[in-house]
C-alpha atoms as a PDB file:
ATOM      1  CA  UNK A   1     171.401 142.546  97.097  1.00  0.00           C
ATOM      2  CA  UNK A   2     167.845 141.462  98.010  1.00  0.00           C
ATOM      3  CA  UNK A   3     166.369 144.903  97.347  1.00  0.00           C
ATOM      4  CA  UNK A   4     166.255 144.578  93.514  1.00  0.00           C
ATOM      5  CA  UNK A   5     164.582 141.165  93.819  1.00  0.00           C
ATOM      6  CA  UNK A   6     161.934 142.591  96.128  1.00  0.00           C
ATOM      7  CA  UNK A   7     161.093 145.253  93.543  1.00  0.00           C
ATOM      8  CA  UNK A   8     161.594 143.192  90.385  1.00  0.00           C
ATOM      9  CA  UNK A   9     159.517 140.163  91.410  1.00  0.00           C
ATOM     10  CA  UNK A  10     156.237 142.075  92.112  1.00  0.00           C
ATOM     11  CA  UNK A  11     156.704 144.068  88.899  1.00  0.00           C
ATOM     12  CA  UNK A  12     157.209 140.866  86.916  1.00  0.00           C
ATOM     13  CA  UNK A  13     154.088 139.294  88.468  1.00  0.00           C
ATOM     14  CA  UNK A  14     152.081 142.437  87.673  1.00  0.00           C
ATOM     15  CA  UNK A  15     153.212 142.444  84.045  1.00  0.00           C
ATOM     16  CA  UNK A  16     152.383 138.740  83.634  1.00  0.00           C
ATOM     17  CA  UNK A  17     148.905 139.234  85.113  1.00  0.00           C
ATOM     18  CA  UNK A  18     148.231 142.189  82.820  1.00  0.00           C
ATOM     19  CA  UNK A  19     149.404 140.272  79.736  1.00  0.00           C
ATOM     20  CA  UNK A  20     147.232 137.303  80.672  1.00  0.00           C
ATOM     21  CA  UNK A  21     144.220 139.570  81.288  1.00  0.00           C
ATOM     22  CA  UNK A  22     144.608 141.377  77.964  1.00  0.00           C
ATOM     23  CA  UNK A  23     145.165 138.301  75.816  1.00  0.00           C
ATOM     24  CA  UNK A  24     142.205 136.963  73.805  1.00  0.00           C
ATOM     25  CA  UNK A  25     140.417 134.126  75.571  1.00  0.00           C
ATOM     26  CA  UNK A  26     140.602 130.724  73.936  1.00  0.00           C
ATOM     27  CA  UNK A  27     142.198 132.038  70.740  1.00  0.00           C
ATOM     28  CA  UNK A  28     144.918 129.516  69.928  1.00  0.00           C
ATOM     29  CA  UNK A  29     145.600 130.990  66.490  1.00  0.00           C
ATOM     30  CA  UNK A  30     147.107 134.306  67.559  1.00  0.00           C
ATOM     31  CA  UNK A  31     147.381 136.679  64.636  1.00  0.00           C
ATOM     32  CA  UNK A  32     144.637 135.000  62.599  1.00  0.00           C
ATOM     33  CA  UNK A  33     141.108 136.383  62.693  1.00  0.00           C
ATOM     34  CA  UNK A  34     138.472 134.219  64.345  1.00  0.00           C
ATOM     35  CA  UNK A  35     135.791 132.677  62.174  1.00  0.00           C
ATOM     36  CA  UNK A  36     132.570 134.522  62.860  1.00  0.00           C
ATOM     37  CA  UNK A  37     129.219 132.800  62.942  1.00  0.00           C
ATOM     38  CA  UNK A  38     126.795 133.765  60.204  1.00  0.00           C
ATOM     39  CA  UNK A  39     124.379 136.454  61.374  1.00  0.00           C
ATOM     40  CA  UNK A  40     120.783 135.399  61.898  1.00  0.00           C
ATOM     41  CA  UNK A  41     118.040 137.407  60.328  1.00  0.00           C
ATOM     42  CA  UNK A  42     115.328 139.003  62.402  1.00  0.00           C
ATOM     43  CA  UNK A  43     112.149 136.955  61.975  1.00  0.00           C
ATOM     44  CA  UNK A  44     109.135 138.769  60.600  1.00  0.00           C
ATOM     45  CA  UNK A  45     105.967 138.381  62.662  1.00  0.00           C
ATOM     46  CA  UNK A  46     103.354 136.054  61.228  1.00  0.00           C
ATOM     47  CA  UNK A  47      99.951 137.322  60.111  1.00  0.00           C
ATOM     48  CA  UNK A  48      98.039 136.051  63.215  1.00  0.00           C
ATOM     49  CA  UNK A  49     100.575 137.727  65.485  1.00  0.00           C
ATOM     50  CA  UNK A  50     100.237 141.042  63.623  1.00  0.00           C
ATOM     51  CA  UNK A  51      96.431 140.978  63.316  1.00  0.00           C
ATOM     52  CA  UNK A  52      94.646 142.804  66.103  1.00  0.00           C
ATOM     53  CA  UNK A  53      91.019 142.284  67.005  1.00  0.00           C
ATOM     54  CA  UNK A  54      88.552 144.998  65.996  1.00  0.00           C
ATOM     55  CA  UNK A  55      85.522 145.979  68.032  1.00  0.00           C
ATOM     56  CA  UNK A  56      82.271 147.727  67.126  1.00  0.00           C
ATOM     57  CA  UNK A  57      81.567 150.605  69.519  1.00  0.00           C
ATOM     58  CA  UNK A  58      78.743 153.041  70.036  1.00  0.00           C
ATOM     59  CA  UNK A  59      78.279 156.241  72.018  1.00  0.00           C
ATOM     60  CA  UNK A  60      76.692 156.127  75.434  1.00  0.00           C
ATOM     61  CA  UNK A  61      77.362 156.240  79.151  1.00  0.00           C
ATOM     62  CA  UNK A  62      79.557 153.602  80.659  1.00  0.00           C
ATOM     63  CA  UNK A  63      77.704 152.199  83.642  1.00  0.00           C
ATOM     64  CA  UNK A  64      78.222 149.317  85.969  1.00  0.00           C
ATOM     65  CA  UNK A  65      75.486 149.297  88.574  1.00  0.00           C
ATOM     66  CA  UNK A  66      75.660 147.094  91.654  1.00  0.00           C
ATOM     67  CA  UNK A  67      72.627 146.645  93.909  1.00  0.00           C
ATOM     68  CA  UNK A  68      72.896 144.830  97.213  1.00  0.00           C
ATOM     69  CA  UNK A  69      70.757 144.284 100.242  1.00  0.00           C
ATOM     70  CA  UNK A  70      72.164 143.543 103.655  1.00  0.00           C
ATOM     71  CA  UNK A  71      73.780 145.070 106.704  1.00  0.00           C
ATOM     72  CA  UNK A  72      77.041 146.886 106.753  1.00  0.00           C
ATOM     73  CA  UNK A  73      79.278 146.504 109.800  1.00  0.00           C
ATOM     74  CA  UNK A  74      82.612 148.214 110.314  1.00  0.00           C
ATOM     75  CA  UNK A  75      85.626 145.969 110.566  1.00  0.00           C
ATOM     76  CA  UNK A  76      87.202 147.899 113.476  1.00  0.00           C
ATOM     77  CA  UNK A  77      85.294 149.817 116.117  1.00  0.00           C
ATOM     78  CA  UNK A  78      86.874 152.319 118.486  1.00  0.00           C
ATOM     79  CA  UNK A  79      85.419 154.178 121.444  1.00  0.00           C
ATOM     80  CA  UNK A  80      86.354 157.860 121.238  1.00  0.00           C
ATOM     81  CA  UNK A  81      86.529 160.382 124.084  1.00  0.00           C
ATOM     82  CA  UNK A  82      87.359 164.079 123.948  1.00  0.00           C
ATOM     83  CA  UNK A  83      88.548 166.462 126.641  1.00  0.00           C
ATOM     84  CA  UNK A  84      86.308 169.359 125.504  1.00  0.00           C
ATOM     85  CA  UNK A  85      82.688 169.142 124.391  1.00  0.00           C
ATOM     86  CA  UNK A  86      81.693 171.100 121.298  1.00  0.00           C
ATOM     87  CA  UNK A  87      81.253 171.083 117.571  1.00  0.00           C
ATOM     88  CA  UNK A  88      83.713 171.628 114.783  1.00  0.00           C
END
C-alpha cells in the first residue's frame, strides 16, 4: 500500500519542479506576448573621437644616446672555486 506513494510522490515533486523551472519568469499574462522595449540605435562616433592626429616624419636613424660617468658595481658578488684549473 505504501509502495505506490513512495514512487508517486517523488515523481510528482520532480514534475512540479520541472514545470516551475520551464515557466516564464514574472510573466503574469500567460499566452500574451510581452511588450518589448524599443531598440536603441548604435551611436555614431563624434568627429573629435574619429579624428586621429597626423605627424610629419622624415627619414633618418633613430637614436637615443645616453652618456654617463661614474662607477659600476655589481649588485651580488660571489666567490667562485673550481676543482680543476684550466681554460675553456
